Protein backbone atom coordinates (compact mmCIF):
# COMPACT_ATOMS: atom_id res chain seq x y z
CA UNK A 1 0.00 0.00 0.00
CA UNK A 2 1.22 3.47 -0.90
CA UNK A 3 -0.09 6.31 1.26
CA UNK A 4 0.60 10.01 0.68
CA UNK A 5 0.55 12.79 3.27
CA UNK A 6 1.19 16.51 3.37
CA UNK A 7 4.95 15.96 3.03
CA UNK A 8 4.35 14.46 -0.43
CA UNK A 9 2.48 17.50 -1.78
CA UNK A 10 4.02 19.88 -4.30
CA UNK A 11 2.04 23.00 -3.41
CA UNK A 12 3.21 24.72 -6.60
CA UNK A 13 1.38 22.16 -8.76
CA UNK A 14 -1.89 24.13 -8.58
CA UNK A 15 -0.77 27.35 -6.94
CA UNK A 16 -2.46 30.35 -8.58
CA UNK A 17 -3.92 28.14 -11.31
CA UNK A 18 -7.59 28.01 -12.18
CA UNK A 19 -9.53 25.05 -10.80
CA UNK A 20 -13.01 24.47 -12.21
CA UNK A 21 -15.50 22.57 -10.08
CA UNK A 22 -18.32 21.39 -12.34
CA UNK A 23 -21.37 20.68 -10.20
CA UNK A 24 -22.32 21.91 -6.73
CA UNK A 25 -23.91 18.93 -5.03
CA UNK A 26 -22.63 17.10 -1.96
CA UNK A 27 -19.02 16.67 -3.12
CA UNK A 28 -18.89 19.73 -5.39
CA UNK A 29 -19.85 22.14 -2.65
CA UNK A 30 -17.37 20.66 -0.19
CA UNK A 31 -14.49 20.52 -2.66
CA UNK A 32 -15.03 24.04 -3.96
CA UNK A 33 -15.30 25.56 -0.49
CA UNK A 34 -12.33 23.66 0.95
CA UNK A 35 -10.13 24.53 -2.02
CA UNK A 36 -11.14 28.18 -1.81
CA UNK A 37 -10.38 28.27 1.92
CA UNK A 38 -7.01 26.67 1.16
CA UNK A 39 -6.17 29.63 -1.07
CA UNK A 40 -6.82 28.13 -4.48
CA UNK A 41 -8.33 29.93 -7.48
CA UNK A 42 -11.73 28.22 -7.75
CA UNK A 43 -14.53 28.73 -10.25
CA UNK A 44 -17.81 26.79 -10.06
CA UNK A 45 -19.42 25.62 -13.30
CA UNK A 46 -23.22 25.38 -13.35
CA UNK A 47 -25.86 25.38 -16.06
CA UNK A 48 -27.83 28.58 -16.42
CA UNK A 49 -30.81 28.52 -14.08
CA UNK A 50 -29.26 25.88 -11.83
CA UNK A 51 -30.90 25.61 -8.44
CA UNK A 52 -27.43 25.46 -6.90
CA UNK A 53 -26.31 28.85 -8.21
CA UNK A 54 -27.61 30.85 -5.24
CA UNK A 55 -25.93 28.51 -2.77
CA UNK A 56 -22.61 28.71 -4.62
CA UNK A 57 -22.73 32.48 -4.80
CA UNK A 58 -23.73 32.76 -1.14
CA UNK A 59 -20.70 30.62 -0.33
CA UNK A 60 -18.54 33.23 -2.03
CA UNK A 61 -17.80 31.45 -5.30
CA UNK A 62 -17.59 32.81 -8.81
CA UNK A 63 -20.19 30.95 -10.87
CA UNK A 64 -19.92 30.49 -14.64
CA UNK A 65 -21.38 28.13 -17.21
CA UNK A 66 -19.61 24.77 -17.37
CA UNK A 67 -17.96 25.77 -20.67
CA UNK A 68 -16.68 29.09 -19.34
CA UNK A 69 -15.53 27.55 -16.07
CA UNK A 70 -13.63 24.76 -17.83
CA UNK A 71 -11.96 27.06 -20.34
CA UNK A 72 -8.30 27.73 -19.46
CA UNK A 73 -8.55 25.75 -16.20
CA UNK A 74 -5.48 23.78 -15.18
CA UNK A 75 -7.73 21.24 -13.50
CA UNK A 76 -11.40 20.48 -14.12
CA UNK A 77 -13.20 18.42 -11.47
CA UNK A 78 -16.28 16.75 -12.92
CA UNK A 79 -18.47 16.38 -9.83
CA UNK A 80 -21.97 16.19 -11.28
CA UNK A 81 -23.95 12.95 -10.70
CA UNK A 82 -22.54 9.88 -12.48
CA UNK A 83 -25.58 9.78 -14.75
CA UNK A 84 -24.94 13.26 -16.16
CA UNK A 85 -21.16 13.29 -16.45
CA UNK A 86 -20.90 11.92 -19.99
CA UNK A 87 -23.18 14.65 -21.35
CA UNK A 88 -21.37 17.36 -19.40
CA UNK A 89 -18.00 16.15 -20.64
CA UNK A 90 -19.15 16.28 -24.26
CA UNK A 91 -20.24 19.87 -23.68
CA UNK A 92 -16.91 21.03 -22.25
CA UNK A 93 -14.44 18.76 -24.07
CA UNK A 94 -13.62 21.17 -26.88
CA UNK A 95 -12.98 24.00 -24.43
CA UNK A 96 -10.49 22.24 -22.15
CA UNK A 97 -6.95 23.60 -22.22
CA UNK A 98 -4.31 21.35 -23.72
CA UNK A 99 -2.76 19.21 -21.01
CA UNK A 100 -5.39 20.06 -18.43
CA UNK A 101 -6.17 17.57 -15.69
CA UNK A 102 -9.64 16.03 -15.69
CA UNK A 103 -10.52 14.92 -12.16
CA UNK A 104 -13.23 12.59 -10.89
CA UNK A 105 -14.34 11.70 -7.36
CA UNK A 106 -15.59 8.27 -8.47
CA UNK A 107 -14.33 6.10 -11.31
CA UNK A 108 -17.63 4.84 -12.76
CA UNK A 109 -17.66 6.70 -16.07
CA UNK A 110 -14.00 6.09 -16.86
CA UNK A 111 -13.93 2.46 -15.77
CA UNK A 112 -17.12 1.55 -17.64
CA UNK A 113 -16.20 3.54 -20.74
CA UNK A 114 -18.96 6.15 -20.62
CA UNK A 115 -16.36 8.91 -21.00
CA UNK A 116 -13.32 8.67 -23.28
CA UNK A 117 -11.19 11.71 -22.42
CA UNK A 118 -9.30 13.66 -25.04
CA UNK A 119 -5.88 12.19 -25.71
CA UNK A 120 -3.84 15.09 -24.32
CA UNK A 121 -5.53 15.26 -20.92
CA UNK A 122 -4.33 13.94 -17.59
CA UNK A 123 -7.11 11.82 -16.07
CA UNK A 124 -7.04 11.53 -12.28
CA UNK A 125 -9.24 10.72 -9.34
CA UNK A 126 -9.42 11.97 -5.77
CA UNK A 127 -12.15 10.06 -3.97
CA UNK A 128 -12.85 11.09 -0.36
CA UNK A 129 -14.11 8.18 1.71
CA UNK A 130 -17.10 10.05 3.06
CA UNK A 131 -20.00 12.24 1.91
CA UNK A 132 -19.40 15.87 1.00
CA UNK A 133 -20.94 17.21 4.20
CA UNK A 134 -18.38 15.26 6.22
CA UNK A 135 -15.54 16.40 3.94
CA UNK A 136 -16.50 20.00 4.68
CA UNK A 137 -17.11 19.57 8.42
CA UNK A 138 -13.83 17.73 8.96
CA UNK A 139 -11.93 20.39 7.03
CA UNK A 140 -13.44 23.18 9.13
CA UNK A 141 -12.51 21.25 12.27
CA UNK A 142 -8.88 21.14 11.14
CA UNK A 143 -9.15 17.46 10.28
CA UNK A 144 -9.70 15.53 7.07
CA UNK A 145 -11.42 12.60 5.42
CA UNK A 146 -9.17 9.82 4.07
CA UNK A 147 -9.08 9.79 0.28
CA UNK A 148 -8.03 7.59 -2.62
CA UNK A 149 -5.89 8.77 -5.53
CA UNK A 150 -5.75 7.12 -8.95
CA UNK A 151 -4.09 8.08 -12.21
CA UNK A 152 -5.68 6.79 -15.42
CA UNK A 153 -3.64 8.97 -17.79
CA UNK A 154 -0.47 10.96 -17.14
CA UNK A 155 0.14 12.82 -20.37
CA UNK A 156 2.00 15.74 -18.81
CA UNK A 157 4.11 13.97 -16.20
CA UNK A 158 2.41 16.09 -13.52
CA UNK A 159 -0.82 14.15 -13.02
CA UNK A 160 0.05 12.81 -9.57
CA UNK A 161 1.42 16.15 -8.39
CA UNK A 162 -1.76 17.95 -9.40
CA UNK A 163 -3.99 15.26 -7.92
CA UNK A 164 -2.17 15.36 -4.57
CA UNK A 165 -2.26 19.16 -4.50
CA UNK A 166 -6.03 18.94 -5.03
CA UNK A 167 -6.34 16.30 -2.29
CA UNK A 168 -4.37 18.54 0.03
CA UNK A 169 -6.64 21.48 -0.80
CA UNK A 170 -9.76 19.60 0.27
CA UNK A 171 -8.10 18.29 3.45
CA UNK A 172 -7.48 14.71 2.35
CA UNK A 173 -3.76 14.65 3.12
CA UNK A 174 -4.51 15.39 6.78
CA UNK A 175 -5.90 11.86 7.06
CA UNK A 176 -3.88 10.15 4.31
CA UNK A 177 -4.35 9.51 0.61
CA UNK A 178 -4.06 5.89 -0.53
CA UNK A 179 -2.99 5.00 -4.06
CA UNK A 180 -5.46 2.87 -6.02
CA UNK A 181 -6.76 2.41 -9.58
CA UNK A 182 -10.00 3.51 -11.24
CA UNK A 183 -10.99 -0.17 -11.46
CA UNK A 184 -10.38 -0.92 -7.80
CA UNK A 185 -12.07 2.24 -6.52
CA UNK A 186 -15.13 1.78 -8.73
CA UNK A 187 -15.72 -1.87 -8.01
CA UNK A 188 -15.08 -1.69 -4.25
CA UNK A 189 -17.14 1.49 -3.88
CA UNK A 190 -20.14 -0.01 -5.68
CA UNK A 191 -19.84 -3.24 -3.71
CA UNK A 192 -19.60 -1.45 -0.36
CA UNK A 193 -22.67 0.64 -1.14
CA UNK A 194 -24.76 -2.27 -2.34
CA UNK A 195 -23.78 -5.13 -0.06
CA UNK A 196 -22.95 -3.36 3.20
CA UNK A 197 -23.36 0.39 3.65
CA UNK A 198 -26.64 1.20 1.90
CA UNK A 199 -28.28 -1.96 0.60
CA UNK A 200 -27.11 -4.42 3.24
CA UNK A 201 -27.42 -2.19 6.30
CA UNK A 202 -30.84 -0.76 5.46
CA UNK A 203 -32.29 -4.15 4.59
CA UNK A 204 -30.98 -5.55 7.87
CA UNK A 205 -32.59 -2.68 9.79
CA UNK A 206 -35.94 -2.97 8.01
CA UNK A 207 -36.12 -6.76 8.31
CA UNK A 208 -35.26 -6.54 12.01
CA UNK A 209 -37.99 -3.92 12.52
CA UNK A 210 -40.54 -6.07 10.67
CA UNK A 211 -39.60 -9.16 12.70
CA UNK A 212 -40.22 -7.41 16.03
CA UNK A 213 -43.45 -5.68 14.94
CA UNK A 214 -44.85 -8.90 13.44
CA UNK A 215 -44.11 -10.61 16.78
CA UNK A 216 -46.33 -8.05 18.53
CA UNK A 217 -43.82 -5.56 19.91
CA UNK A 218 -44.47 -1.82 19.76
CA UNK A 219 -43.22 -0.23 16.50
CA UNK A 220 -41.64 2.60 18.47
CA UNK A 221 -39.57 0.20 20.58
CA UNK A 222 -38.64 -1.79 17.47
CA UNK A 223 -37.48 1.44 15.79
CA UNK A 224 -35.21 2.35 18.68
CA UNK A 225 -33.69 -1.12 18.82
CA UNK A 226 -33.14 -1.65 15.09
CA UNK A 227 -32.62 1.85 13.64
CA UNK A 228 -31.90 4.50 16.27
CA UNK A 229 -29.24 2.60 18.20
CA UNK A 230 -27.38 1.57 15.05
CA UNK A 231 -25.50 4.88 15.12
CA UNK A 232 -24.09 4.10 18.56
CA UNK A 233 -22.54 0.89 17.27
CA UNK A 234 -21.35 2.44 14.01
CA UNK A 235 -19.64 5.24 15.95
CA UNK A 236 -17.75 2.69 18.04
CA UNK A 237 -16.71 0.75 14.94
CA UNK A 238 -15.69 3.97 13.17
CA UNK A 239 -13.60 5.15 16.10
CA UNK A 240 -11.89 1.91 17.09
CA UNK A 241 -13.01 -1.06 15.01
CA UNK A 242 -14.28 -4.31 16.52
CA UNK A 243 -11.97 -3.85 19.52
CA UNK A 244 -13.65 -0.65 20.70
CA UNK A 245 -17.11 -2.09 20.13
CA UNK A 246 -16.16 -5.12 22.23
CA UNK A 247 -14.96 -2.81 25.02
CA UNK A 248 -18.06 -0.60 25.15
CA UNK A 249 -20.97 -3.00 24.75
CA UNK A 250 -22.16 -5.37 27.46
CA UNK A 251 -20.95 -8.94 27.72
CA UNK A 252 -24.53 -10.03 27.04
CA UNK A 253 -24.57 -8.05 23.80
CA UNK A 254 -21.17 -9.39 22.80
CA UNK A 255 -22.22 -13.01 23.47
CA UNK A 256 -25.31 -12.42 21.32
CA UNK A 257 -23.01 -11.00 18.64
CA UNK A 258 -20.91 -14.17 18.70
CA UNK A 259 -23.72 -16.71 18.56
CA UNK A 260 -26.46 -14.92 16.57
CA UNK A 261 -24.66 -12.66 14.09
CA UNK A 262 -23.37 -15.62 12.03
CA UNK A 263 -26.89 -17.12 12.02
CA UNK A 264 -28.28 -14.03 10.27
CA UNK A 265 -25.34 -13.15 8.03
CA UNK A 266 -24.05 -16.63 7.22
CA UNK A 267 -22.06 -18.19 4.40
CA UNK A 268 -25.10 -18.11 2.12
CA UNK A 269 -25.23 -14.33 2.57
CA UNK A 270 -21.54 -14.15 1.71
CA UNK A 271 -22.22 -16.21 -1.41
CA UNK A 272 -24.85 -13.69 -2.48
CA UNK A 273 -22.38 -10.89 -1.78
CA UNK A 274 -20.04 -12.61 -4.22
CA UNK A 275 -22.86 -12.61 -6.78
CA UNK A 276 -23.26 -8.86 -6.26
CA UNK A 277 -19.53 -8.37 -6.75
CA UNK A 278 -19.56 -10.47 -9.92
CA UNK A 279 -22.34 -8.30 -11.38
CA UNK A 280 -20.23 -5.23 -10.64
CA UNK A 281 -17.02 -6.71 -12.04
CA UNK A 282 -18.49 -8.00 -15.30
CA UNK A 283 -20.41 -4.79 -16.00
CA UNK A 284 -23.91 -6.19 -15.45
CA UNK A 285 -24.77 -3.61 -12.80
CA UNK A 286 -23.38 -0.74 -14.90
CA UNK A 287 -25.32 -1.79 -18.00
CA UNK A 288 -28.56 -2.13 -16.04
CA UNK A 289 -28.08 1.20 -14.28
CA UNK A 290 -27.29 3.00 -17.54
CA UNK A 291 -30.35 1.43 -19.17
CA UNK A 292 -32.52 2.42 -16.20
CA UNK A 293 -31.41 6.04 -16.57
CA UNK A 294 -32.01 6.04 -20.31
CA UNK A 295 -35.55 4.76 -19.68
CA UNK A 296 -36.33 7.64 -17.31
CA UNK A 297 -35.67 5.65 -14.09
CA UNK A 298 -39.15 4.11 -13.63
CA UNK A 299 -37.98 1.22 -11.45
CA UNK A 300 -35.66 3.52 -9.47
CA UNK A 301 -38.56 5.87 -8.69
CA UNK A 302 -40.91 3.01 -7.85
CA UNK A 303 -38.50 1.37 -5.41
CA UNK A 304 -37.54 4.69 -3.82
CA UNK A 305 -41.21 5.48 -3.20
CA UNK A 306 -41.76 2.02 -1.68
CA UNK A 307 -38.82 2.53 0.68
CA UNK A 308 -40.17 5.84 1.95
CA UNK A 309 -43.68 4.43 2.38
CA UNK A 310 -42.50 1.70 4.75
CA UNK A 311 -43.93 1.90 8.30
CA UNK A 312 -40.44 2.34 9.76
CA UNK A 313 -40.32 5.76 8.07
CA UNK A 314 -43.65 6.87 9.57
CA UNK A 315 -42.58 5.74 13.03
CA UNK A 316 -39.10 7.20 12.65
CA UNK A 317 -40.33 10.58 11.43
CA UNK A 318 -42.62 10.87 14.44
CA UNK A 319 -39.96 9.84 16.95
CA UNK A 320 -37.23 12.01 15.43
CA UNK A 321 -39.53 15.03 15.68
CA UNK A 322 -39.12 14.71 19.46
CA UNK A 323 -35.33 15.03 19.04
CA UNK A 324 -34.78 18.31 17.16
CA UNK A 325 -31.07 18.22 17.93
CA UNK A 326 -30.64 15.43 15.37
CA UNK A 327 -30.91 18.01 12.57
CA UNK A 328 -28.64 20.60 14.13
CA UNK A 329 -25.28 21.22 12.43
């Protein structure tokens, strides 16, 4: 494993040079604001009439069209949603400076061939291992979110230097930047989201809630046990791994962990995880997701609506309304 820190950063790589942040969503807002606060020359690229324009301007950024923002930029960070990046790239491609660096925060469109960058461009990735809100909050606290760096094309010989300078500007070098590839980042990121972090965790919570309610227990108590308290365990794992969790939960809870966890998430679950990974590796997931977008996302919208209509959401909304501090910054 190769890990980079602040000592590995060539601050001159992007010093005084124009950095274009295309998109102002979760990652775009955090990256633009952190880079600006780090003293970099940042311009935000948004389509005319974008709902994000007011937020970007209120945050003190210069806002231009994507074409104008990308023109003459030393580095262009394409931080719009994965599903829109190919169209945005086509729009700005002819306006990119020769030898500019094209940066991504996720490797999907490069790895799966949705974008084929111009031959003279450096193609790099800085992928923070956390949502944009966390990237911003950690930066403001003088800390950072660990990041991954990957180089797909190094046409100028400065691709890594520019990528690390960017990572440093958003606070990533404070926590360490690990070298990877577009393939590894894309496939592991998709797998983590689907099998563990989003798909796996939420299904486990919902099925646990349903099991208790169907057995006659109060929905409110089931919510606390299966959803609300999950954060307490995740915080322990985040801060100190299994060791810290073992230290801070009761022996009764730990014994239940040992004997019941493997009954729920057993080898058959691991086998299905391998099926999920295979679909990611062979492109099945990417093809289906691209096709879903091209069709107007009917199944995506249907399943999202079903999720939000589940009783756990009604119960949770009511209980969280009694805890207004949950939504405080």
